[in-house]
Amino acid sequence: MNRCIALIAALLCATLSVASACTAATADDWVQFAIEPARNSSEVKVTFRDDRRNDSRWSASFPPSQLLGFDLNGFRAVGSRPVRFAIAREAGRLDCAGNGGSSYASGNCRFTPDAGFMQLLRARGIGTPDREQAFGLMAVDVRREVIDAVAAARYPTPTLDQLMALTAVGVSGPYIRDLAKAGYRPDSIQDLVEFRALNITPDFIGGFARIGYSNMDPDDLVQLKALNITPEFVASFERIGYRNLPIDTLVQLKALNITPEFVRSVERTPGEMPSVSALVERKMFGRRK
């Protein structure tokens, strides 16, 4: 079955986030920044831009406390004054300076990769990032805990792009460990990215295990989550006599919006339930069975 729209959208958003980060800057270039208030938030929006690289951009909202040395009161005050701040993450550091006031600031930053983190990547066999990749690792905030958890769960060694994709969709060390404790481990890094993009959690998996759907294929879990098929959806069919339905059948029922209420509306022989194929045909073509 083709991936559902929800999955495609989630992964596309993750890919765009990673690509924007990866092309934003190199270590020996100055990168321009601009700061303005974030909409409907107490945070500030920071945009980093490198006009020499096809106007590449990376934008994110930050609590002011995460911009080390940033003077929020001075930023908001009327007039112009020097502005300095830094963003320090495990993969590297941005040091920025410029001018600002009246809730706007701009200037330049220099990026410095963290030597220890770069050495960790080499030691784990992940590779040596080029300068743009190093910036991308810092921008999406790749952390050692994810690298350690991936190794502990015996996944294949991730590529640099996979590390950024994992982080961009919110995979963390605890998420990987919680899946393992629940007795579940996706087969690949890509499966893990898909799981997190769709928010497939140990609780979600456990809910199906409790009604008899254990050890499901990763693709089955993806289809169930993408279509918002829940244990309660399955139980609602069991209550009217449809038990142990295969995953493909559940997907078909949900995709066609066949509900227990629809089943009850279909004419049938007293005491007998329509077959799933009859329900599908009735839903698609309006025929009576």
C-alpha atoms as a PDB file:
ATOM      1  CA  MET A   1       0.000   0.000   0.000  1.00  0.00           C
ATOM      2  CA  ASN A   2       1.252   3.480  -0.827  1.00  0.00           C
ATOM      3  CA  ARG A   3       2.259   5.712   2.067  1.00  0.00           C
ATOM      4  CA  CYS A   4      -0.654   7.774   3.285  1.00  0.00           C
ATOM      5  CA  ILE A   5      -0.882  11.537   2.883  1.00  0.00           C
ATOM      6  CA  ALA A   6      -0.270  12.154   6.584  1.00  0.00           C
ATOM      7  CA  LEU A   7       3.030  10.289   6.470  1.00  0.00           C
ATOM      8  CA  ILE A   8       4.185  12.017   3.308  1.00  0.00           C
ATOM      9  CA  ALA A   9       3.402  15.433   4.777  1.00  0.00           C
ATOM     10  CA  ALA A  10       5.208  14.696   8.027  1.00  0.00           C
ATOM     11  CA  LEU A  11       8.341  13.417   6.329  1.00  0.00           C
ATOM     12  CA  LEU A  12       8.344  16.244   3.800  1.00  0.00           C
ATOM     13  CA  CYS A  13       8.306  18.808   6.612  1.00  0.00           C
ATOM     14  CA  ALA A  14      11.177  17.019   8.321  1.00  0.00           C
ATOM     15  CA  THR A  15      13.190  16.879   5.092  1.00  0.00           C
ATOM     16  CA  LEU A  16      12.706  20.577   4.414  1.00  0.00           C
ATOM     17  CA  SER A  17      13.852  21.451   7.940  1.00  0.00           C
ATOM     18  CA  VAL A  18      17.022  19.429   7.549  1.00  0.00           C
ATOM     19  CA  ALA A  19      17.785  20.790   4.078  1.00  0.00           C
ATOM     20  CA  SER A  20      17.397  24.373   5.229  1.00  0.00           C
ATOM     21  CA  ALA A  21      19.801  23.799   8.066  1.00  0.00           C
ATOM     22  CA  CYS A  22      22.388  22.000   5.993  1.00  0.00           C
ATOM     23  CA  THR A  23      22.829  24.722   3.415  1.00  0.00           C
ATOM     24  CA  ALA A  24      22.825  27.729   5.696  1.00  0.00           C
ATOM     25  CA  ALA A  25      26.530  28.357   6.232  1.00  0.00           C
ATOM     26  CA  THR A  26      30.095  27.137   6.342  1.00  0.00           C
ATOM     27  CA  ALA A  27      32.537  27.380   9.191  1.00  0.00           C
ATOM     28  CA  ASP A  28      34.776  30.030   7.645  1.00  0.00           C
ATOM     29  CA  ASP A  29      31.968  32.278   6.370  1.00  0.00           C
ATOM     30  CA  TRP A  30      30.121  35.040   8.142  1.00  0.00           C
ATOM     31  CA  VAL A  31      26.388  34.377   8.259  1.00  0.00           C
ATOM     32  CA  GLN A  32      23.883  37.205   8.501  1.00  0.00           C
ATOM     33  CA  PHE A  33      21.207  37.150  11.200  1.00  0.00           C
ATOM     34  CA  ALA A  34      18.002  39.049  11.899  1.00  0.00           C
ATOM     35  CA  ILE A  35      15.918  38.919  15.088  1.00  0.00           C
ATOM     36  CA  GLU A  36      12.299  39.929  15.528  1.00  0.00           C
ATOM     37  CA  PRO A  37       9.512  38.990  17.949  1.00  0.00           C
ATOM     38  CA  ALA A  38       7.899  35.614  17.287  1.00  0.00           C
ATOM     39  CA  ARG A  39       4.177  35.755  16.590  1.00  0.00           C
ATOM     40  CA  ASN A  40       1.832  34.856  19.440  1.00  0.00           C
ATOM     41  CA  SER A  41       4.764  33.951  21.680  1.00  0.00           C
ATOM     42  CA  SER A  42       7.206  35.344  24.220  1.00  0.00           C
ATOM     43  CA  GLU A  43      10.025  33.914  22.088  1.00  0.00           C
ATOM     44  CA  VAL A  44      12.073  35.679  19.428  1.00  0.00           C
ATOM     45  CA  LYS A  45      12.418  34.546  15.836  1.00  0.00           C
ATOM     46  CA  VAL A  46      15.963  34.394  14.503  1.00  0.00           C
ATOM     47  CA  THR A  47      16.677  34.053  10.785  1.00  0.00           C
ATOM     48  CA  PHE A  48      20.152  33.143   9.561  1.00  0.00           C
ATOM     49  CA  ARG A  49      20.926  33.850   5.916  1.00  0.00           C
ATOM     50  CA  ASP A  50      23.836  33.293   3.554  1.00  0.00           C
ATOM     51  CA  ASP A  51      23.268  35.300   0.373  1.00  0.00           C
ATOM     52  CA  ARG A  52      26.375  33.820  -1.230  1.00  0.00           C
ATOM     53  CA  ARG A  53      24.799  30.367  -1.191  1.00  0.00           C
ATOM     54  CA  ASN A  54      21.581  30.900  -3.149  1.00  0.00           C
ATOM     55  CA  ASP A  55      20.049  32.915  -0.330  1.00  0.00           C
ATOM     56  CA  SER A  56      20.045  29.884   1.992  1.00  0.00           C
ATOM     57  CA  ARG A  57      18.115  30.382   5.213  1.00  0.00           C
ATOM     58  CA  TRP A  58      17.528  28.785   8.592  1.00  0.00           C
ATOM     59  CA  SER A  59      14.794  30.238  10.810  1.00  0.00           C
ATOM     60  CA  ALA A  60      13.780  29.191  14.297  1.00  0.00           C
ATOM     61  CA  SER A  61      12.083  30.626  17.370  1.00  0.00           C
ATOM     62  CA  PHE A  62      14.019  30.692  20.638  1.00  0.00           C
ATOM     63  CA  PRO A  63      13.269  31.539  24.239  1.00  0.00           C
ATOM     64  CA  PRO A  64      15.531  34.560  24.871  1.00  0.00           C
ATOM     65  CA  SER A  65      17.344  32.550  27.557  1.00  0.00           C
ATOM     66  CA  GLN A  66      18.729  30.226  24.861  1.00  0.00           C
ATOM     67  CA  LEU A  67      20.508  33.136  23.168  1.00  0.00           C
ATOM     68  CA  LEU A  68      23.483  33.389  25.492  1.00  0.00           C
ATOM     69  CA  GLY A  69      24.305  37.008  26.396  1.00  0.00           C
ATOM     70  CA  PHE A  70      21.232  38.407  24.624  1.00  0.00           C
ATOM     71  CA  ASP A  71      19.874  41.606  26.207  1.00  0.00           C
ATOM     72  CA  LEU A  72      16.109  41.318  25.733  1.00  0.00           C
ATOM     73  CA  ASN A  73      15.376  44.701  27.334  1.00  0.00           C
ATOM     74  CA  GLY A  74      17.892  46.428  25.083  1.00  0.00           C
ATOM     75  CA  PHE A  75      16.425  44.632  22.061  1.00  0.00           C
ATOM     76  CA  ARG A  76      12.980  45.969  22.913  1.00  0.00           C
ATOM     77  CA  ALA A  77      14.057  49.502  23.850  1.00  0.00           C
ATOM     78  CA  VAL A  78      13.772  52.416  21.450  1.00  0.00           C
ATOM     79  CA  GLY A  79      16.997  53.398  19.673  1.00  0.00           C
ATOM     80  CA  SER A  80      19.992  51.474  18.399  1.00  0.00           C
ATOM     81  CA  ARG A  81      22.695  49.721  20.431  1.00  0.00           C
ATOM     82  CA  PRO A  82      25.157  46.825  20.072  1.00  0.00           C
ATOM     83  CA  VAL A  83      23.665  43.318  20.244  1.00  0.00           C
ATOM     84  CA  ARG A  84      25.612  40.164  21.025  1.00  0.00           C
ATOM     85  CA  PHE A  85      24.530  36.590  21.637  1.00  0.00           C
ATOM     86  CA  ALA A  86      25.643  33.011  21.138  1.00  0.00           C
ATOM     87  CA  ILE A  87      23.913  29.703  20.451  1.00  0.00           C
ATOM     88  CA  ALA A  88      25.859  26.843  22.014  1.00  0.00           C
ATOM     89  CA  ARG A  89      24.924  23.248  21.191  1.00  0.00           C
ATOM     90  CA  GLU A  90      26.701  19.924  21.331  1.00  0.00           C
ATOM     91  CA  ALA A  91      27.588  20.002  17.633  1.00  0.00           C
ATOM     92  CA  GLY A  92      28.885  23.569  17.577  1.00  0.00           C
ATOM     93  CA  ARG A  93      28.506  27.208  18.462  1.00  0.00           C
ATOM     94  CA  LEU A  94      27.331  30.391  16.756  1.00  0.00           C
ATOM     95  CA  ASP A  95      28.769  33.708  17.969  1.00  0.00           C
ATOM     96  CA  CYS A  96      26.803  36.690  16.711  1.00  0.00           C
ATOM     97  CA  ALA A  97      27.170  40.456  16.907  1.00  0.00           C
ATOM     98  CA  GLY A  98      25.329  43.396  15.395  1.00  0.00           C
ATOM     99  CA  ASN A  99      23.002  46.246  16.288  1.00  0.00           C
ATOM    100  CA  GLY A 100      19.409  46.398  17.384  1.00  0.00           C
ATOM    101  CA  GLY A 101      16.578  48.137  19.152  1.00  0.00           C
ATOM    102  CA  SER A 102      12.836  48.720  18.858  1.00  0.00           C
ATOM    103  CA  SER A 103      12.352  44.926  18.726  1.00  0.00           C
ATOM    104  CA  TYR A 104      14.601  44.300  15.728  1.00  0.00           C
ATOM    105  CA  ALA A 105      18.271  43.391  15.421  1.00  0.00           C
ATOM    106  CA  SER A 106      20.639  42.281  12.670  1.00  0.00           C
ATOM    107  CA  GLY A 107      24.301  41.506  12.182  1.00  0.00           C
ATOM    108  CA  ASN A 108      26.687  38.641  11.482  1.00  0.00           C
ATOM    109  CA  CYS A 109      27.594  35.293  13.070  1.00  0.00           C
ATOM    110  CA  ARG A 110      30.508  32.925  12.886  1.00  0.00           C
ATOM    111  CA  PHE A 111      29.993  29.189  13.303  1.00  0.00           C
ATOM    112  CA  THR A 112      32.548  26.966  15.060  1.00  0.00           C
ATOM    113  CA  PRO A 113      32.023  23.170  14.999  1.00  0.00           C
ATOM    114  CA  ASP A 114      32.617  21.402  18.303  1.00  0.00           C
ATOM    115  CA  ALA A 115      35.834  19.416  17.903  1.00  0.00           C
ATOM    116  CA  GLY A 116      34.818  16.775  20.438  1.00  0.00           C
ATOM    117  CA  PHE A 117      31.491  16.147  18.724  1.00  0.00           C
ATOM    118  CA  MET A 118      33.150  15.883  15.324  1.00  0.00           C
ATOM    119  CA  GLN A 119      35.574  13.348  16.797  1.00  0.00           C
ATOM    120  CA  LEU A 120      32.645  11.359  18.235  1.00  0.00           C
ATOM    121  CA  LEU A 121      31.089  11.103  14.777  1.00  0.00           C
ATOM    122  CA  ARG A 122      34.338   9.804  13.332  1.00  0.00           C
ATOM    123  CA  ALA A 123      34.878   7.351  16.199  1.00  0.00           C
ATOM    124  CA  ARG A 124      31.367   5.899  15.769  1.00  0.00           C
ATOM    125  CA  GLY A 125      31.898   5.374  12.047  1.00  0.00           C
ATOM    126  CA  ILE A 126      29.269   7.946  11.110  1.00  0.00           C
ATOM    127  CA  GLY A 127      31.701  10.052   9.129  1.00  0.00           C
ATOM    128  CA  THR A 128      33.451  13.389   9.034  1.00  0.00           C
ATOM    129  CA  PRO A 129      31.003  16.215   8.307  1.00  0.00           C
ATOM    130  CA  ASP A 130      31.919  18.838   5.776  1.00  0.00           C
ATOM    131  CA  ARG A 131      31.422  22.375   6.998  1.00  0.00           C
ATOM    132  CA  GLU A 132      27.868  22.680   5.744  1.00  0.00           C
ATOM    133  CA  GLN A 133      26.911  19.349   7.333  1.00  0.00           C
ATOM    134  CA  ALA A 134      28.491  20.439  10.603  1.00  0.00           C
ATOM    135  CA  PHE A 135      26.328  23.549  10.585  1.00  0.00           C
ATOM    136  CA  GLY A 136      23.271  21.404   9.870  1.00  0.00           C
ATOM    137  CA  LEU A 137      24.025  19.164  12.846  1.00  0.00           C
ATOM    138  CA  MET A 138      24.142  22.226  15.096  1.00  0.00           C
ATOM    139  CA  ALA A 139      21.047  23.812  13.549  1.00  0.00           C
ATOM    140  CA  VAL A 140      18.741  20.844  14.181  1.00  0.00           C
ATOM    141  CA  ASP A 141      20.522  20.218  17.533  1.00  0.00           C
ATOM    142  CA  VAL A 142      21.786  16.665  17.035  1.00  0.00           C
ATOM    143  CA  ARG A 143      22.904  15.286  20.415  1.00  0.00           C
ATOM    144  CA  ARG A 144      25.120  12.505  21.654  1.00  0.00           C
ATOM    145  CA  GLU A 145      22.223  10.818  23.473  1.00  0.00           C
ATOM    146  CA  VAL A 146      20.581  10.003  20.141  1.00  0.00           C
ATOM    147  CA  ILE A 147      23.817   8.569  18.763  1.00  0.00           C
ATOM    148  CA  ASP A 148      24.260   6.466  21.914  1.00  0.00           C
ATOM    149  CA  ALA A 149      20.642   5.238  21.921  1.00  0.00           C
ATOM    150  CA  VAL A 150      20.772   4.261  18.240  1.00  0.00           C
ATOM    151  CA  ALA A 151      23.926   2.230  18.907  1.00  0.00           C
ATOM    152  CA  ALA A 152      22.523   0.638  22.084  1.00  0.00           C
ATOM    153  CA  ALA A 153      19.388  -0.477  20.203  1.00  0.00           C
ATOM    154  CA  ARG A 154      21.627  -2.056  17.532  1.00  0.00           C
ATOM    155  CA  TYR A 155      20.383  -0.064  14.605  1.00  0.00           C
ATOM    156  CA  PRO A 156      22.648   0.207  11.562  1.00  0.00           C
ATOM    157  CA  THR A 157      25.145   3.050  11.885  1.00  0.00           C
ATOM    158  CA  PRO A 158      23.268   6.175  10.765  1.00  0.00           C
ATOM    159  CA  THR A 159      24.505   8.550   8.110  1.00  0.00           C
ATOM    160  CA  LEU A 160      24.871  12.238   8.870  1.00  0.00           C
ATOM    161  CA  ASP A 161      21.669  12.964   6.963  1.00  0.00           C
ATOM    162  CA  GLN A 162      19.834  10.291   8.932  1.00  0.00           C
ATOM    163  CA  LEU A 163      21.033  11.767  12.215  1.00  0.00           C
ATOM    164  CA  MET A 164      19.631  15.128  11.181  1.00  0.00           C
ATOM    165  CA  ALA A 165      16.357  13.567  10.028  1.00  0.00           C
ATOM    166  CA  LEU A 166      15.978  11.686  13.340  1.00  0.00           C
ATOM    167  CA  THR A 167      16.500  14.884  15.303  1.00  0.00           C
ATOM    168  CA  ALA A 168      14.295  16.995  13.030  1.00  0.00           C
ATOM    169  CA  VAL A 169      11.246  14.797  13.674  1.00  0.00           C
ATOM    170  CA  GLY A 170      11.929  14.632  17.424  1.00  0.00           C
ATOM    171  CA  VAL A 171      13.545  11.222  17.958  1.00  0.00           C
ATOM    172  CA  SER A 172      15.312  11.259  21.325  1.00  0.00           C
ATOM    173  CA  GLY A 173      17.249   8.787  23.421  1.00  0.00           C
ATOM    174  CA  PRO A 174      14.258   8.131  25.726  1.00  0.00           C
ATOM    175  CA  TYR A 175      11.972   7.543  22.723  1.00  0.00           C
ATOM    176  CA  ILE A 176      14.312   4.874  21.330  1.00  0.00           C
ATOM    177  CA  ARG A 177      14.742   3.251  24.733  1.00  0.00           C
ATOM    178  CA  ASP A 178      10.999   3.266  25.454  1.00  0.00           C
ATOM    179  CA  LEU A 179      10.296   1.506  22.158  1.00  0.00           C
ATOM    180  CA  ALA A 180      12.902  -1.127  23.039  1.00  0.00           C
ATOM    181  CA  LYS A 181      11.418  -1.634  26.533  1.00  0.00           C
ATOM    182  CA  ALA A 182       8.040  -2.208  24.920  1.00  0.00           C
ATOM    183  CA  GLY A 183       9.642  -5.017  22.942  1.00  0.00           C
ATOM    184  CA  TYR A 184       9.583  -3.150  19.685  1.00  0.00           C
ATOM    185  CA  ARG A 185      12.398  -2.037  17.458  1.00  0.00           C
ATOM    186  CA  PRO A 186      11.772  -0.763  13.909  1.00  0.00           C
ATOM    187  CA  ASP A 187      13.905  -2.499  11.301  1.00  0.00           C
ATOM    188  CA  SER A 188      15.750   0.546  10.022  1.00  0.00           C
ATOM    189  CA  ILE A 189      16.615   4.172  10.695  1.00  0.00           C
ATOM    190  CA  GLN A 190      14.044   5.188   8.085  1.00  0.00           C
ATOM    191  CA  ASP A 191      11.357   3.222   9.921  1.00  0.00           C
ATOM    192  CA  LEU A 192      12.336   4.991  13.126  1.00  0.00           C
ATOM    193  CA  VAL A 193      12.027   8.385  11.395  1.00  0.00           C
ATOM    194  CA  GLU A 194       8.580   7.419  10.095  1.00  0.00           C
ATOM    195  CA  PHE A 195       7.486   6.184  13.521  1.00  0.00           C
ATOM    196  CA  ARG A 196       8.368   9.455  15.216  1.00  0.00           C
ATOM    197  CA  ALA A 197       7.006  11.611  12.402  1.00  0.00           C
ATOM    198  CA  LEU A 198       3.627   9.934  12.920  1.00  0.00           C
ATOM    199  CA  ASN A 199       3.994   9.843  16.733  1.00  0.00           C
ATOM    200  CA  ILE A 200       3.873   6.047  16.972  1.00  0.00           C
ATOM    201  CA  THR A 201       4.562   5.529  20.663  1.00  0.00           C
ATOM    202  CA  PRO A 202       4.914   2.486  22.953  1.00  0.00           C
ATOM    203  CA  ASP A 203       1.419   3.283  24.279  1.00  0.00           C
ATOM    204  CA  PHE A 204      -0.004   3.197  20.757  1.00  0.00           C
ATOM    205  CA  ILE A 205       1.686  -0.148  20.028  1.00  0.00           C
ATOM    206  CA  GLY A 206       0.671  -1.552  23.410  1.00  0.00           C
ATOM    207  CA  GLY A 207      -2.963  -0.653  22.850  1.00  0.00           C
ATOM    208  CA  PHE A 208      -3.089  -2.939  19.822  1.00  0.00           C
ATOM    209  CA  ALA A 209      -1.100  -5.673  21.557  1.00  0.00           C
ATOM    210  CA  ARG A 210      -3.719  -5.765  24.304  1.00  0.00           C
ATOM    211  CA  ILE A 211      -6.468  -6.590  21.788  1.00  0.00           C
ATOM    212  CA  GLY A 212      -4.472  -9.293  20.050  1.00  0.00           C
ATOM    213  CA  TYR A 213      -2.425  -7.430  17.455  1.00  0.00           C
ATOM    214  CA  SER A 214       1.140  -8.150  18.540  1.00  0.00           C
ATOM    215  CA  ASN A 215       4.464  -8.117  16.660  1.00  0.00           C
ATOM    216  CA  MET A 216       3.073  -6.085  13.805  1.00  0.00           C
ATOM    217  CA  ASP A 217       5.145  -5.173  10.774  1.00  0.00           C
ATOM    218  CA  PRO A 218       6.386  -1.555  10.836  1.00  0.00           C
ATOM    219  CA  ASP A 219       4.430  -0.815   7.652  1.00  0.00           C
ATOM    220  CA  ASP A 220       1.237  -2.004   9.340  1.00  0.00           C
ATOM    221  CA  LEU A 221       1.799   0.322  12.288  1.00  0.00           C
ATOM    222  CA  VAL A 222       2.493   3.209   9.910  1.00  0.00           C
ATOM    223  CA  GLN A 223      -0.740   2.564   8.025  1.00  0.00           C
ATOM    224  CA  LEU A 224      -2.777   2.320  11.221  1.00  0.00           C
ATOM    225  CA  LYS A 225      -1.380   5.558  12.615  1.00  0.00           C
ATOM    226  CA  ALA A 226      -1.535   7.475   9.346  1.00  0.00           C
ATOM    227  CA  LEU A 227      -5.261   6.695   9.061  1.00  0.00           C
ATOM    228  CA  ASN A 228      -5.880   7.244  12.799  1.00  0.00           C
ATOM    229  CA  ILE A 229      -7.046   3.674  13.308  1.00  0.00           C
ATOM    230  CA  THR A 230      -7.233   3.118  17.066  1.00  0.00           C
ATOM    231  CA  PRO A 231      -7.846   0.065  19.254  1.00  0.00           C
ATOM    232  CA  GLU A 232     -11.314   1.494  19.918  1.00  0.00           C
ATOM    233  CA  PHE A 233     -12.014   1.504  16.157  1.00  0.00           C
ATOM    234  CA  VAL A 234     -11.144  -2.211  16.045  1.00  0.00           C
ATOM    235  CA  ALA A 235     -13.194  -2.929  19.175  1.00  0.00           C
ATOM    236  CA  SER A 236     -16.242  -1.198  17.687  1.00  0.00           C
ATOM    237  CA  PHE A 237     -16.277  -3.782  14.885  1.00  0.00           C
ATOM    238  CA  GLU A 238     -15.667  -6.653  17.289  1.00  0.00           C
ATOM    239  CA  ARG A 239     -18.758  -5.628  19.243  1.00  0.00           C
ATOM    240  CA  ILE A 240     -20.954  -6.153  16.173  1.00  0.00           C
ATOM    241  CA  GLY A 241     -19.383  -9.489  15.264  1.00  0.00           C
ATOM    242  CA  TYR A 242     -16.310  -8.726  13.134  1.00  0.00           C
ATOM    243  CA  ARG A 243     -13.376 -10.282  14.978  1.00  0.00           C
ATOM    244  CA  ASN A 244      -9.709 -10.724  14.153  1.00  0.00           C
ATOM    245  CA  LEU A 245      -9.884  -8.513  11.095  1.00  0.00           C
ATOM    246  CA  PRO A 246      -6.578  -8.377   9.166  1.00  0.00           C
ATOM    247  CA  ILE A 247      -4.686  -5.078   9.105  1.00  0.00           C
ATOM    248  CA  ASP A 248      -5.342  -4.620   5.379  1.00  0.00           C
ATOM    249  CA  THR A 249      -9.075  -4.986   6.025  1.00  0.00           C
ATOM    250  CA  LEU A 250      -9.011  -2.451   8.864  1.00  0.00           C
ATOM    251  CA  VAL A 251      -7.183  -0.025   6.589  1.00  0.00           C
ATOM    252  CA  GLN A 252      -9.747  -0.555   3.843  1.00  0.00           C
ATOM    253  CA  LEU A 253     -12.669  -0.018   6.206  1.00  0.00           C
ATOM    254  CA  LYS A 254     -11.181   3.186   7.615  1.00  0.00           C
ATOM    255  CA  ALA A 255     -10.137   4.566   4.230  1.00  0.00           C
ATOM    256  CA  LEU A 256     -13.707   4.119   2.944  1.00  0.00           C
ATOM    257  CA  ASN A 257     -15.227   5.477   6.187  1.00  0.00           C
ATOM    258  CA  ILE A 258     -17.108   2.244   6.801  1.00  0.00           C
ATOM    259  CA  THR A 259     -18.311   2.428  10.395  1.00  0.00           C
ATOM    260  CA  PRO A 260     -20.435   0.144  12.588  1.00  0.00           C
ATOM    261  CA  GLU A 261     -23.304   2.576  11.975  1.00  0.00           C
ATOM    262  CA  PHE A 262     -22.914   2.065   8.228  1.00  0.00           C
ATOM    263  CA  VAL A 263     -22.882  -1.717   8.720  1.00  0.00           C
ATOM    264  CA  ARG A 264     -26.172  -1.547  10.619  1.00  0.00           C
ATOM    265  CA  SER A 265     -27.730   0.427   7.782  1.00  0.00           C
ATOM    266  CA  VAL A 266     -27.004  -2.245   5.184  1.00  0.00           C
ATOM    267  CA  GLU A 267     -29.873  -4.600   4.413  1.00  0.00           C
ATOM    268  CA  ARG A 268     -29.033  -8.184   5.273  1.00  0.00           C
ATOM    269  CA  THR A 269     -30.469 -11.555   6.159  1.00  0.00           C
ATOM    270  CA  PRO A 270     -31.645 -11.512   9.788  1.00  0.00           C
ATOM    271  CA  GLY A 271     -28.957 -12.902  12.081  1.00  0.00           C
ATOM    272  CA  GLU A 272     -26.207 -12.620   9.463  1.00  0.00           C
ATOM    273  CA  MET A 273     -23.590  -9.909   9.030  1.00  0.00           C
ATOM    274  CA  PRO A 274     -22.597  -8.673   5.565  1.00  0.00           C
ATOM    275  CA  SER A 275     -19.152  -9.764   4.398  1.00  0.00           C
ATOM    276  CA  VAL A 276     -16.429  -7.141   4.304  1.00  0.00           C
ATOM    277  CA  SER A 277     -16.370  -7.356   0.504  1.00  0.00           C
ATOM    278  CA  ALA A 278     -20.116  -6.688   0.446  1.00  0.00           C
ATOM    279  CA  LEU A 279     -19.659  -3.671   2.704  1.00  0.00           C
ATOM    280  CA  VAL A 280     -16.907  -2.318   0.463  1.00  0.00           C
ATOM    281  CA  GLU A 281     -18.989  -2.819  -2.665  1.00  0.00           C
ATOM    282  CA  ARG A 282     -22.006  -1.147  -1.083  1.00  0.00           C
ATOM    283  CA  LYS A 283     -19.898   1.808   0.075  1.00  0.00           C
ATOM    284  CA  MET A 284     -18.204   2.250  -3.288  1.00  0.00           C
ATOM    285  CA  PHE A 285     -21.113   1.568  -5.630  1.00  0.00           C
ATOM    286  CA  GLY A 286     -24.233   1.875  -3.513  1.00  0.00           C
ATOM    287  CA  ARG A 287     -25.335  -1.694  -4.237  1.00  0.00           C
ATOM    288  CA  ARG A 288     -27.466  -3.565  -1.757  1.00  0.00           C
ATOM    289  CA  LYS A 289     -26.338  -6.971  -0.483  1.00  0.00           C
END
